[in-house]
């Protein structure tokens, strides 16, 4: 699967994650992760019971094996989450990195833990097996701004105000 296919998969899973956060008691956290050569932005859902999911966009910096120059590449991380108790959650997933050619592509596992504070913030630590380095993550409970945009789009596409009078009169 190419980067385009992985992106489409990630976008679908991200939307599913956001919808699951609205549908039940899932705590959805918007995360930013920083490492030496990795930056990530994504969402993690921690339901009260059962498994949730995590989806992140990643940016990698690496040395190109052919030219030897420092380059950047996009990637993603998809995985499952589980709330260990009221204050800790863990996640395990797979990370992908795409380079400028097929020799630069790489995959690896991502393992992390998050401290879920009583306030709207969270702190975490991840190990990125793609780049083999730790990431420090900071998160905030998702204020659902993204869902407001999607809800507006769905209402705009599927709910025509002109047909409300027709259905009320019959």
N, C-alpha and C. Protein backbone atom coordinates (compact mmCIF):
# COMPACT_ATOMS: atom_id res chain seq x y z
N UNK A 1 0.85 -1.17 0.00
CA UNK A 1 0.00 0.00 0.00
C UNK A 1 0.90 1.23 0.00
N UNK A 2 0.66 2.14 -0.92
CA UNK A 2 1.46 3.36 -1.01
C UNK A 2 1.06 4.36 0.05
N UNK A 3 1.76 5.46 0.08
CA UNK A 3 1.48 6.50 1.06
C UNK A 3 0.08 7.06 0.88
N UNK A 4 -0.38 7.19 -0.37
CA UNK A 4 -1.73 7.69 -0.62
C UNK A 4 -2.78 6.76 -0.01
N UNK A 5 -2.62 5.46 -0.19
CA UNK A 5 -3.56 4.50 0.38
C UNK A 5 -3.52 4.51 1.90
N UNK A 6 -2.34 4.64 2.45
CA UNK A 6 -2.20 4.70 3.91
C UNK A 6 -2.84 5.98 4.45
N UNK A 7 -2.70 7.07 3.71
CA UNK A 7 -3.32 8.33 4.12
C UNK A 7 -4.83 8.22 4.14
N UNK A 8 -5.41 7.62 3.10
CA UNK A 8 -6.87 7.43 3.04
C UNK A 8 -7.33 6.55 4.21
N UNK A 9 -6.58 5.50 4.49
CA UNK A 9 -6.91 4.62 5.62
C UNK A 9 -6.84 5.39 6.93
N UNK A 10 -5.81 6.20 7.12
CA UNK A 10 -5.66 6.98 8.33
C UNK A 10 -6.78 8.00 8.47
N UNK A 11 -7.15 8.65 7.37
CA UNK A 11 -8.23 9.63 7.42
C UNK A 11 -9.55 8.96 7.82
N UNK A 12 -9.83 7.80 7.27
CA UNK A 12 -11.04 7.07 7.65
C UNK A 12 -11.04 6.65 9.10
N UNK A 13 -9.91 6.15 9.57
CA UNK A 13 -9.82 5.74 10.96
C UNK A 13 -9.90 6.93 11.91
N UNK A 14 -9.34 8.06 11.51
CA UNK A 14 -9.42 9.27 12.33
C UNK A 14 -10.86 9.73 12.46
N UNK A 15 -11.60 9.73 11.36
CA UNK A 15 -13.01 10.11 11.42
C UNK A 15 -13.79 9.13 12.28
N UNK A 16 -13.50 7.83 12.16
CA UNK A 16 -14.17 6.84 13.00
C UNK A 16 -13.85 7.06 14.47
N UNK A 17 -12.60 7.41 14.76
CA UNK A 17 -12.21 7.70 16.14
C UNK A 17 -12.98 8.88 16.68
N UNK A 18 -13.07 9.94 15.89
CA UNK A 18 -13.79 11.11 16.34
C UNK A 18 -15.27 10.83 16.52
N UNK A 19 -15.86 10.05 15.63
CA UNK A 19 -17.26 9.69 15.77
C UNK A 19 -17.48 8.82 17.00
N UNK A 20 -16.55 7.91 17.28
CA UNK A 20 -16.71 7.06 18.47
C UNK A 20 -16.59 7.89 19.73
N UNK A 21 -15.81 8.94 19.69
CA UNK A 21 -15.68 9.82 20.86
C UNK A 21 -16.96 10.56 21.15
N UNK A 22 -17.75 10.85 20.12
CA UNK A 22 -19.01 11.54 20.32
C UNK A 22 -20.12 10.58 20.70
N UNK A 23 -19.99 9.33 20.31
CA UNK A 23 -21.09 8.38 20.47
C UNK A 23 -21.14 7.75 21.85
N UNK A 24 -20.02 7.68 22.55
CA UNK A 24 -20.05 7.03 23.86
C UNK A 24 -19.14 7.77 24.81
N UNK A 25 -18.75 7.14 25.87
CA UNK A 25 -17.97 7.79 26.92
C UNK A 25 -16.47 7.69 26.67
N UNK A 26 -16.06 7.73 25.43
CA UNK A 26 -14.64 7.69 25.10
C UNK A 26 -14.02 9.05 25.36
N UNK A 27 -12.87 9.03 26.01
CA UNK A 27 -12.11 10.27 26.22
C UNK A 27 -11.17 10.42 25.03
N UNK A 28 -11.43 11.39 24.18
CA UNK A 28 -10.62 11.61 22.99
C UNK A 28 -9.62 12.72 23.29
N UNK A 29 -8.35 12.42 23.04
CA UNK A 29 -7.27 13.34 23.35
C UNK A 29 -6.54 13.69 22.07
N UNK A 30 -6.34 14.97 21.86
CA UNK A 30 -5.57 15.45 20.72
C UNK A 30 -4.12 15.58 21.19
N UNK A 31 -3.20 14.84 20.56
CA UNK A 31 -1.81 14.75 21.00
C UNK A 31 -0.84 15.44 20.05
N UNK A 32 0.22 15.97 20.64
CA UNK A 32 1.39 16.45 19.90
C UNK A 32 2.58 15.74 20.50
N UNK A 33 3.38 15.09 19.65
CA UNK A 33 4.56 14.37 20.12
C UNK A 33 5.83 14.95 19.53
N UNK A 34 6.85 15.06 20.37
CA UNK A 34 8.13 15.61 19.93
C UNK A 34 9.26 14.66 20.30
N UNK A 35 10.09 14.36 19.32
CA UNK A 35 11.29 13.57 19.53
C UNK A 35 12.46 14.26 18.86
N UNK A 36 13.61 13.63 18.87
CA UNK A 36 14.78 14.24 18.25
C UNK A 36 14.59 14.42 16.75
N UNK A 37 14.06 13.39 16.08
CA UNK A 37 13.87 13.43 14.63
C UNK A 37 12.43 13.14 14.21
N UNK A 38 11.49 13.17 15.16
CA UNK A 38 10.10 12.83 14.86
C UNK A 38 9.17 13.88 15.48
N UNK A 39 8.15 14.26 14.71
CA UNK A 39 7.08 15.12 15.19
C UNK A 39 5.77 14.43 14.85
N UNK A 40 4.81 14.41 15.78
CA UNK A 40 3.53 13.76 15.50
C UNK A 40 2.37 14.63 15.95
N UNK A 41 1.24 14.46 15.26
CA UNK A 41 -0.01 15.13 15.59
C UNK A 41 -1.12 14.13 15.34
N UNK A 42 -1.96 13.89 16.35
CA UNK A 42 -3.02 12.92 16.16
C UNK A 42 -4.01 12.88 17.30
N UNK A 43 -4.85 11.85 17.28
CA UNK A 43 -5.90 11.66 18.28
C UNK A 43 -5.80 10.27 18.86
N UNK A 44 -6.09 10.18 20.16
CA UNK A 44 -6.16 8.90 20.85
C UNK A 44 -7.49 8.85 21.61
N UNK A 45 -8.19 7.74 21.50
CA UNK A 45 -9.45 7.55 22.20
C UNK A 45 -9.31 6.49 23.27
N UNK A 46 -9.65 6.83 24.49
CA UNK A 46 -9.59 5.91 25.62
C UNK A 46 -10.99 5.69 26.17
N UNK A 47 -11.68 4.62 25.74
CA UNK A 47 -13.01 4.35 26.29
C UNK A 47 -12.91 3.86 27.73
N UNK A 48 -14.01 4.02 28.47
CA UNK A 48 -14.02 3.56 29.87
C UNK A 48 -13.84 2.06 29.94
N UNK A 49 -14.40 1.33 28.98
CA UNK A 49 -14.26 -0.12 28.93
C UNK A 49 -13.87 -0.52 27.52
N UNK A 50 -13.04 -1.54 27.40
CA UNK A 50 -12.67 -2.05 26.09
C UNK A 50 -11.50 -1.31 25.48
N UNK A 51 -11.38 -1.46 24.17
CA UNK A 51 -10.26 -0.91 23.43
C UNK A 51 -10.70 0.29 22.60
N UNK A 52 -9.81 1.24 22.46
CA UNK A 52 -10.02 2.40 21.61
C UNK A 52 -8.98 2.36 20.50
N UNK A 53 -8.75 3.50 19.89
CA UNK A 53 -7.74 3.54 18.85
C UNK A 53 -6.98 4.85 18.86
N UNK A 54 -5.83 4.83 18.22
CA UNK A 54 -4.98 5.99 18.10
C UNK A 54 -4.59 6.13 16.63
N UNK A 55 -4.61 7.36 16.14
CA UNK A 55 -4.21 7.65 14.76
C UNK A 55 -3.41 8.95 14.79
N UNK A 56 -2.23 8.92 14.21
CA UNK A 56 -1.36 10.09 14.22
C UNK A 56 -0.69 10.29 12.87
N UNK A 57 -0.54 11.54 12.48
CA UNK A 57 0.28 11.91 11.34
C UNK A 57 1.68 12.15 11.89
N UNK A 58 2.70 11.72 11.16
CA UNK A 58 4.08 11.86 11.64
C UNK A 58 4.95 12.51 10.59
N UNK A 59 5.96 13.21 11.06
CA UNK A 59 6.97 13.80 10.21
C UNK A 59 8.32 13.31 10.71
N UNK A 60 9.10 12.70 9.81
CA UNK A 60 10.41 12.13 10.16
C UNK A 60 11.52 12.91 9.47
N UNK A 61 12.63 13.07 10.16
CA UNK A 61 13.85 13.60 9.56
C UNK A 61 14.87 12.47 9.56
N UNK A 62 15.55 12.27 8.43
CA UNK A 62 16.48 11.16 8.33
C UNK A 62 17.57 11.49 7.32
N UNK A 63 18.64 10.72 7.34
CA UNK A 63 19.72 10.85 6.36
C UNK A 63 19.40 9.96 5.18
N UNK A 64 19.35 10.53 3.98
CA UNK A 64 19.09 9.78 2.77
C UNK A 64 20.26 8.83 2.52
N UNK A 65 19.99 7.51 2.35
CA UNK A 65 21.10 6.56 2.17
C UNK A 65 21.84 6.72 0.84
N UNK A 66 21.21 7.35 -0.13
CA UNK A 66 21.84 7.51 -1.44
C UNK A 66 22.67 8.79 -1.49
N UNK A 67 22.04 9.91 -1.13
CA UNK A 67 22.74 11.20 -1.23
C UNK A 67 23.49 11.58 0.04
N UNK A 68 23.08 11.01 1.18
CA UNK A 68 23.70 11.35 2.45
C UNK A 68 23.20 12.66 3.05
N UNK A 69 22.25 13.32 2.38
CA UNK A 69 21.71 14.58 2.86
C UNK A 69 20.57 14.34 3.85
N UNK A 70 20.34 15.32 4.69
CA UNK A 70 19.24 15.27 5.67
C UNK A 70 17.95 15.62 4.95
N UNK A 71 16.93 14.75 5.06
CA UNK A 71 15.66 14.95 4.39
C UNK A 71 14.51 14.72 5.36
N UNK A 72 13.33 15.09 4.93
CA UNK A 72 12.13 14.86 5.70
C UNK A 72 11.20 13.92 4.97
N UNK A 73 10.37 13.21 5.73
CA UNK A 73 9.41 12.29 5.13
C UNK A 73 8.16 12.25 6.01
N UNK A 74 7.05 11.98 5.38
CA UNK A 74 5.79 11.85 6.10
C UNK A 74 5.55 10.41 6.51
N UNK A 75 4.68 10.26 7.48
CA UNK A 75 4.33 8.93 7.93
C UNK A 75 3.07 8.97 8.76
N UNK A 76 2.74 7.85 9.34
CA UNK A 76 1.56 7.75 10.20
C UNK A 76 1.74 6.63 11.21
N UNK A 77 0.89 6.66 12.20
CA UNK A 77 0.87 5.66 13.26
C UNK A 77 -0.59 5.30 13.52
N UNK A 78 -0.90 4.02 13.46
CA UNK A 78 -2.23 3.50 13.75
C UNK A 78 -2.11 2.44 14.83
N UNK A 79 -3.01 2.47 15.80
CA UNK A 79 -2.91 1.48 16.85
C UNK A 79 -4.15 1.41 17.71
N UNK A 80 -4.06 0.58 18.75
CA UNK A 80 -5.15 0.40 19.71
C UNK A 80 -4.74 1.00 21.04
N UNK A 81 -5.74 1.44 21.78
CA UNK A 81 -5.53 2.02 23.11
C UNK A 81 -6.31 1.22 24.15
N UNK A 82 -5.88 1.35 25.35
CA UNK A 82 -6.58 0.69 26.46
C UNK A 82 -6.35 1.52 27.71
N UNK A 83 -7.40 1.81 28.44
CA UNK A 83 -7.27 2.52 29.70
C UNK A 83 -6.88 1.51 30.77
N UNK A 84 -5.73 1.74 31.42
CA UNK A 84 -5.26 0.83 32.45
C UNK A 84 -5.97 1.07 33.77
N UNK A 85 -6.19 2.32 34.12
CA UNK A 85 -6.99 2.72 35.27
C UNK A 85 -7.49 4.13 34.99
N UNK A 86 -7.98 4.83 36.00
CA UNK A 86 -8.53 6.16 35.76
C UNK A 86 -7.50 7.18 35.32
N UNK A 87 -6.22 6.93 35.61
CA UNK A 87 -5.21 7.94 35.30
C UNK A 87 -4.16 7.51 34.27
N UNK A 88 -4.14 6.26 33.86
CA UNK A 88 -3.14 5.82 32.89
C UNK A 88 -3.79 5.07 31.74
N UNK A 89 -3.29 5.34 30.55
CA UNK A 89 -3.70 4.63 29.36
C UNK A 89 -2.46 4.21 28.59
N UNK A 90 -2.59 3.14 27.83
CA UNK A 90 -1.46 2.64 27.04
C UNK A 90 -1.94 2.41 25.61
N UNK A 91 -0.99 2.46 24.68
CA UNK A 91 -1.33 2.18 23.28
C UNK A 91 -0.18 1.43 22.62
N UNK A 92 -0.58 0.63 21.63
CA UNK A 92 0.36 -0.16 20.85
C UNK A 92 -0.10 -0.10 19.41
N UNK A 93 0.83 0.13 18.50
CA UNK A 93 0.45 0.24 17.10
C UNK A 93 1.62 0.07 16.17
N UNK A 94 1.36 0.38 14.91
CA UNK A 94 2.35 0.25 13.85
C UNK A 94 2.56 1.63 13.24
N UNK A 95 3.82 1.97 12.99
CA UNK A 95 4.16 3.23 12.35
C UNK A 95 4.72 2.97 10.96
N UNK A 96 4.45 3.88 10.04
CA UNK A 96 4.93 3.79 8.67
C UNK A 96 5.66 5.08 8.34
N UNK A 97 6.72 4.98 7.56
CA UNK A 97 7.42 6.16 7.06
C UNK A 97 7.68 5.97 5.59
N UNK A 98 7.38 6.97 4.80
CA UNK A 98 7.63 6.94 3.36
C UNK A 98 8.73 7.93 3.03
N UNK A 99 9.70 7.49 2.27
CA UNK A 99 10.79 8.37 1.84
C UNK A 99 10.62 8.78 0.40
N UNK A 100 11.67 9.36 -0.14
CA UNK A 100 11.62 9.83 -1.52
C UNK A 100 11.66 8.69 -2.53
N UNK A 101 12.12 7.50 -2.11
CA UNK A 101 12.08 6.34 -2.99
C UNK A 101 11.72 5.11 -2.16
N UNK A 102 11.48 4.00 -2.80
CA UNK A 102 11.01 2.80 -2.08
C UNK A 102 12.06 2.24 -1.13
N UNK A 103 13.32 2.56 -1.33
CA UNK A 103 14.36 2.09 -0.42
C UNK A 103 14.32 2.81 0.92
N UNK A 104 13.72 4.01 0.93
CA UNK A 104 13.66 4.80 2.15
C UNK A 104 12.49 4.44 3.05
N UNK A 105 11.51 3.70 2.56
CA UNK A 105 10.33 3.37 3.34
C UNK A 105 10.71 2.49 4.52
N UNK A 106 9.98 2.65 5.60
CA UNK A 106 10.28 1.89 6.80
C UNK A 106 9.01 1.71 7.61
N UNK A 107 8.97 0.65 8.41
CA UNK A 107 7.86 0.35 9.30
C UNK A 107 8.41 -0.08 10.64
N UNK A 108 7.60 0.06 11.67
CA UNK A 108 8.00 -0.39 12.99
C UNK A 108 6.84 -0.24 13.96
N UNK A 109 7.00 -0.73 15.15
CA UNK A 109 5.94 -0.64 16.14
C UNK A 109 6.08 0.66 16.93
N UNK A 110 4.97 1.08 17.52
CA UNK A 110 4.95 2.25 18.38
C UNK A 110 4.27 1.83 19.68
N UNK A 111 4.94 2.08 20.78
CA UNK A 111 4.44 1.71 22.10
C UNK A 111 4.43 2.96 22.96
N UNK A 112 3.35 3.19 23.70
CA UNK A 112 3.29 4.40 24.50
C UNK A 112 2.41 4.26 25.72
N UNK A 113 2.59 5.20 26.63
CA UNK A 113 1.78 5.30 27.84
C UNK A 113 1.45 6.77 28.04
N UNK A 114 0.22 7.05 28.53
CA UNK A 114 -0.20 8.42 28.78
C UNK A 114 -0.74 8.53 30.20
N UNK A 115 -0.36 9.61 30.85
CA UNK A 115 -0.91 9.97 32.15
C UNK A 115 -2.08 10.90 31.91
N UNK A 116 -3.28 10.45 32.23
CA UNK A 116 -4.50 11.20 31.99
C UNK A 116 -4.86 11.96 33.25
N UNK A 117 -4.58 13.25 33.28
CA UNK A 117 -4.84 14.05 34.47
C UNK A 117 -6.33 14.28 34.64
N UNK A 118 -6.71 14.79 35.80
CA UNK A 118 -8.12 15.11 36.04
C UNK A 118 -8.55 16.36 35.30
N UNK A 119 -7.57 17.17 34.93
CA UNK A 119 -7.90 18.35 34.12
C UNK A 119 -7.99 17.90 32.66
N UNK A 120 -7.98 18.82 31.75
CA UNK A 120 -8.15 18.49 30.33
C UNK A 120 -6.85 18.11 29.65
N UNK A 121 -5.75 17.99 30.36
CA UNK A 121 -4.45 17.74 29.77
C UNK A 121 -3.96 16.33 30.04
N UNK A 122 -3.01 15.87 29.23
CA UNK A 122 -2.37 14.58 29.45
C UNK A 122 -0.90 14.69 29.07
N UNK A 123 -0.10 13.85 29.66
CA UNK A 123 1.33 13.77 29.38
C UNK A 123 1.64 12.33 29.03
N UNK A 124 2.58 12.12 28.12
CA UNK A 124 2.88 10.75 27.73
C UNK A 124 4.28 10.58 27.22
N UNK A 125 4.61 9.32 27.02
CA UNK A 125 5.90 8.93 26.48
C UNK A 125 5.66 7.80 25.49
N UNK A 126 6.25 7.90 24.30
CA UNK A 126 6.12 6.89 23.27
C UNK A 126 7.50 6.42 22.84
N UNK A 127 7.54 5.18 22.38
CA UNK A 127 8.75 4.69 21.72
C UNK A 127 8.38 4.42 20.28
N UNK A 128 9.06 5.11 19.36
CA UNK A 128 8.81 4.96 17.94
C UNK A 128 9.82 3.98 17.36
N UNK A 129 9.36 2.78 16.98
CA UNK A 129 10.23 1.76 16.43
C UNK A 129 10.67 2.03 15.00
N UNK A 130 10.02 2.96 14.32
CA UNK A 130 10.43 3.31 12.96
C UNK A 130 11.76 4.05 13.02
N UNK A 131 11.86 5.02 13.88
CA UNK A 131 13.08 5.82 14.02
C UNK A 131 13.92 5.36 15.22
N UNK A 132 13.36 4.48 16.03
CA UNK A 132 14.00 3.94 17.24
C UNK A 132 14.41 5.05 18.19
N UNK A 133 13.43 5.87 18.56
CA UNK A 133 13.67 6.95 19.50
C UNK A 133 12.42 7.23 20.32
N UNK A 134 12.59 7.78 21.51
CA UNK A 134 11.44 8.13 22.35
C UNK A 134 10.85 9.47 21.93
N UNK A 135 9.56 9.62 22.19
CA UNK A 135 8.85 10.87 21.96
C UNK A 135 8.16 11.27 23.25
N UNK A 136 8.16 12.53 23.53
CA UNK A 136 7.40 13.09 24.64
C UNK A 136 6.10 13.63 24.06
N UNK A 137 4.95 13.27 24.63
CA UNK A 137 3.66 13.73 24.11
C UNK A 137 2.94 14.60 25.13
N UNK A 138 2.26 15.58 24.60
CA UNK A 138 1.38 16.45 25.39
C UNK A 138 0.03 16.42 24.71
N UNK A 139 -1.03 16.27 25.48
CA UNK A 139 -2.35 16.19 24.90
C UNK A 139 -3.35 17.06 25.62
N UNK A 140 -4.42 17.35 24.91
CA UNK A 140 -5.55 18.09 25.48
C UNK A 140 -6.82 17.36 25.05
N UNK A 141 -7.80 17.31 25.95
CA UNK A 141 -9.07 16.69 25.58
C UNK A 141 -9.61 17.41 24.36
N UNK A 142 -9.99 16.64 23.35
CA UNK A 142 -10.44 17.21 22.09
C UNK A 142 -11.71 18.01 22.31
N UNK A 143 -11.68 19.30 21.99
CA UNK A 143 -12.89 20.12 22.17
C UNK A 143 -13.93 19.87 21.09
N UNK A 144 -13.70 18.86 20.24
CA UNK A 144 -14.62 18.44 19.18
C UNK A 144 -14.84 19.51 18.12
N UNK A 145 -13.87 20.40 17.93
CA UNK A 145 -13.98 21.38 16.85
C UNK A 145 -14.02 20.68 15.51
N UNK A 146 -13.30 19.58 15.37
CA UNK A 146 -13.28 18.84 14.12
C UNK A 146 -14.66 18.25 13.84
N UNK A 147 -15.31 17.75 14.88
CA UNK A 147 -16.64 17.16 14.70
C UNK A 147 -17.66 18.23 14.33
N UNK A 148 -17.49 19.44 14.83
CA UNK A 148 -18.40 20.52 14.47
C UNK A 148 -18.31 20.80 12.98
N UNK A 149 -17.10 20.77 12.43
CA UNK A 149 -16.91 20.99 11.00
C UNK A 149 -17.58 19.87 10.20
N UNK A 150 -17.35 18.62 10.61
CA UNK A 150 -17.95 17.48 9.89
C UNK A 150 -19.47 17.54 9.98
N UNK A 151 -20.00 17.85 11.17
CA UNK A 151 -21.45 17.93 11.34
C UNK A 151 -22.03 19.01 10.44
N UNK A 152 -21.35 20.15 10.33
CA UNK A 152 -21.82 21.21 9.45
C UNK A 152 -21.82 20.79 8.00
N UNK A 153 -20.77 20.05 7.59
CA UNK A 153 -20.71 19.56 6.21
C UNK A 153 -21.81 18.56 5.92
N UNK A 154 -22.05 17.64 6.85
CA UNK A 154 -23.09 16.63 6.65
C UNK A 154 -24.46 17.29 6.59
N UNK A 155 -24.73 18.24 7.50
CA UNK A 155 -26.01 18.94 7.45
C UNK A 155 -26.16 19.74 6.17
N UNK A 156 -25.08 20.35 5.71
CA UNK A 156 -25.13 21.13 4.48
C UNK A 156 -25.37 20.29 3.25
N UNK A 157 -24.84 19.07 3.25
CA UNK A 157 -24.98 18.21 2.08
C UNK A 157 -26.31 17.47 2.09
N UNK A 158 -26.71 16.91 3.22
CA UNK A 158 -27.86 16.02 3.27
C UNK A 158 -29.14 16.65 3.80
N UNK A 159 -29.08 17.83 4.40
CA UNK A 159 -30.27 18.43 4.98
C UNK A 159 -30.56 19.73 4.24
N UNK A 160 -31.51 19.68 3.34
CA UNK A 160 -31.90 20.86 2.57
C UNK A 160 -33.05 21.54 3.30
N UNK A 161 -32.87 22.80 3.68
CA UNK A 161 -33.91 23.52 4.42
C UNK A 161 -35.18 23.70 3.61
N UNK A 162 -35.07 23.71 2.29
CA UNK A 162 -36.25 23.91 1.44
C UNK A 162 -37.23 22.75 1.54
N UNK A 163 -36.76 21.54 1.86
CA UNK A 163 -37.67 20.40 1.90
C UNK A 163 -38.39 20.28 3.24
N UNK A 164 -38.03 21.07 4.24
CA UNK A 164 -38.70 20.98 5.54
C UNK A 164 -40.17 21.38 5.43
N UNK A 165 -40.50 22.41 4.65
CA UNK A 165 -41.89 22.83 4.49
C UNK A 165 -42.70 21.78 3.78
N UNK A 166 -42.13 21.09 2.82
CA UNK A 166 -42.84 20.07 2.09
C UNK A 166 -43.27 18.94 3.01
N UNK A 167 -42.35 18.46 3.86
CA UNK A 167 -42.66 17.34 4.73
C UNK A 167 -43.60 17.76 5.86
N UNK A 168 -43.54 18.99 6.31
CA UNK A 168 -44.45 19.44 7.37
C UNK A 168 -45.89 19.58 6.88
N UNK A 169 -46.07 19.93 5.61
CA UNK A 169 -47.43 20.18 5.11
C UNK A 169 -48.16 18.88 4.79
N UNK A 170 -47.48 17.77 4.65
CA UNK A 170 -48.18 16.52 4.31
C UNK A 170 -48.29 15.71 5.54
